[in-house]
Amino acid sequence: MVSTTNQYFLHQLSYFSPKATTLRKKKKPHSLKEPILQHKTITFEG
C-alpha cells in the first residue's frame, strides 16, 4: 500500500512540478490553489 501511495504522489509531483518551480522563482502566487499545492509538495518532500 505504501509503495502504491508513493508512486501516486510521485506522479502528482511530476505533474505539478513545473508550477511549483515557477512559484518558487517568482514567489508570487497567482491563485489560492497553487500555493497550497506547493506547500503540500514541500511537506511531502520533507
N, C-alpha and C. Protein backbone atom coordinates (compact mmCIF):
# COMPACT_ATOMS: atom_id res chain seq x y z
N MET A 1 0.83 -1.20 0.00
CA MET A 1 0.00 0.00 0.00
C MET A 1 0.87 1.25 0.00
N VAL A 2 1.95 1.21 0.77
CA VAL A 2 2.83 2.38 0.84
C VAL A 2 3.47 2.65 -0.52
N SER A 3 3.91 1.59 -1.19
CA SER A 3 4.56 1.76 -2.49
C SER A 3 3.59 2.39 -3.49
N THR A 4 2.36 1.91 -3.50
CA THR A 4 1.37 2.46 -4.43
C THR A 4 1.11 3.92 -4.12
N THR A 5 1.04 4.25 -2.83
CA THR A 5 0.80 5.65 -2.44
C THR A 5 1.97 6.52 -2.88
N ASN A 6 3.18 6.04 -2.68
CA ASN A 6 4.36 6.81 -3.08
C ASN A 6 4.37 7.04 -4.58
N GLN A 7 4.04 6.01 -5.35
CA GLN A 7 4.01 6.15 -6.80
C GLN A 7 2.96 7.19 -7.20
N TYR A 8 1.82 7.18 -6.52
CA TYR A 8 0.77 8.15 -6.82
C TYR A 8 1.25 9.57 -6.55
N PHE A 9 1.88 9.77 -5.38
CA PHE A 9 2.37 11.10 -5.04
C PHE A 9 3.48 11.54 -5.99
N LEU A 10 4.36 10.61 -6.35
CA LEU A 10 5.43 10.95 -7.27
C LEU A 10 4.85 11.36 -8.62
N HIS A 11 3.79 10.68 -9.04
CA HIS A 11 3.13 11.03 -10.30
C HIS A 11 2.54 12.43 -10.19
N GLN A 12 1.91 12.74 -9.07
CA GLN A 12 1.33 14.07 -8.86
C GLN A 12 2.44 15.12 -8.84
N LEU A 13 3.54 14.82 -8.16
CA LEU A 13 4.64 15.77 -8.07
C LEU A 13 5.23 16.03 -9.45
N SER A 14 5.40 14.98 -10.24
CA SER A 14 5.96 15.14 -11.58
C SER A 14 5.02 15.96 -12.46
N TYR A 15 3.71 15.86 -12.18
CA TYR A 15 2.73 16.59 -12.99
C TYR A 15 2.69 18.06 -12.59
N PHE A 16 2.80 18.34 -11.28
CA PHE A 16 2.69 19.72 -10.81
C PHE A 16 4.05 20.38 -10.60
N SER A 17 5.12 19.66 -10.88
CA SER A 17 6.47 20.19 -10.63
C SER A 17 6.71 21.54 -11.31
N PRO A 18 6.37 21.71 -12.60
CA PRO A 18 6.61 22.99 -13.27
C PRO A 18 5.94 24.16 -12.55
N LYS A 19 4.71 23.98 -12.08
CA LYS A 19 4.02 25.07 -11.39
C LYS A 19 4.72 25.40 -10.08
N ALA A 20 5.11 24.38 -9.34
CA ALA A 20 5.80 24.61 -8.06
C ALA A 20 7.11 25.34 -8.29
N THR A 21 7.85 24.94 -9.32
CA THR A 21 9.12 25.59 -9.62
C THR A 21 8.90 27.05 -9.98
N THR A 22 7.88 27.34 -10.77
CA THR A 22 7.58 28.72 -11.17
C THR A 22 7.23 29.55 -9.95
N LEU A 23 6.45 28.98 -9.04
CA LEU A 23 6.07 29.72 -7.83
C LEU A 23 7.29 29.98 -6.96
N ARG A 24 8.20 29.01 -6.91
CA ARG A 24 9.41 29.20 -6.08
C ARG A 24 10.26 30.34 -6.64
N LYS A 25 10.31 30.46 -7.96
CA LYS A 25 11.14 31.51 -8.57
C LYS A 25 10.49 32.88 -8.42
N LYS A 26 9.20 32.97 -8.71
CA LYS A 26 8.51 34.26 -8.66
C LYS A 26 8.12 34.65 -7.23
N LYS A 27 7.78 33.63 -6.41
CA LYS A 27 7.32 33.87 -5.04
C LYS A 27 6.08 34.75 -5.03
N LYS A 28 5.28 34.68 -6.09
CA LYS A 28 4.04 35.44 -6.16
C LYS A 28 2.92 34.52 -6.63
N PRO A 29 2.13 33.98 -5.71
CA PRO A 29 1.05 33.06 -6.08
C PRO A 29 0.01 33.73 -6.95
N HIS A 30 -0.40 33.03 -7.99
CA HIS A 30 -1.41 33.57 -8.90
C HIS A 30 -2.82 33.21 -8.44
N SER A 31 -2.95 32.14 -7.64
CA SER A 31 -4.25 31.73 -7.15
C SER A 31 -4.09 31.10 -5.77
N LEU A 32 -5.22 30.73 -5.16
CA LEU A 32 -5.15 30.14 -3.83
C LEU A 32 -4.79 28.66 -3.87
N LYS A 33 -5.10 28.00 -5.00
CA LYS A 33 -4.87 26.56 -5.07
C LYS A 33 -3.38 26.24 -5.25
N GLU A 34 -2.69 27.03 -6.04
CA GLU A 34 -1.30 26.71 -6.35
C GLU A 34 -0.38 26.78 -5.12
N PRO A 35 -0.45 27.84 -4.30
CA PRO A 35 0.44 27.86 -3.12
C PRO A 35 0.15 26.73 -2.14
N ILE A 36 -1.14 26.34 -2.02
CA ILE A 36 -1.48 25.20 -1.15
C ILE A 36 -0.84 23.94 -1.70
N LEU A 37 -0.92 23.77 -3.01
CA LEU A 37 -0.33 22.59 -3.65
C LEU A 37 1.19 22.60 -3.46
N GLN A 38 1.79 23.78 -3.60
CA GLN A 38 3.23 23.90 -3.40
C GLN A 38 3.60 23.52 -1.96
N HIS A 39 2.80 23.98 -1.02
CA HIS A 39 3.07 23.68 0.39
C HIS A 39 3.01 22.17 0.63
N LYS A 40 2.01 21.51 0.01
CA LYS A 40 1.89 20.06 0.16
C LYS A 40 3.10 19.37 -0.45
N THR A 41 3.56 19.88 -1.59
CA THR A 41 4.71 19.28 -2.26
C THR A 41 5.95 19.36 -1.36
N ILE A 42 6.18 20.54 -0.77
CA ILE A 42 7.34 20.72 0.10
C ILE A 42 7.22 19.80 1.32
N THR A 43 6.00 19.70 1.86
CA THR A 43 5.78 18.86 3.03
C THR A 43 6.06 17.40 2.70
N PHE A 44 5.62 16.97 1.53
CA PHE A 44 5.82 15.57 1.15
C PHE A 44 7.30 15.28 0.94
N GLU A 45 8.01 16.25 0.34
CA GLU A 45 9.44 16.03 0.10
C GLU A 45 10.22 16.08 1.41
N GLY A 46 9.67 16.76 2.39
CA GLY A 46 10.34 16.84 3.70
C GLY A 46 11.39 17.93 3.69
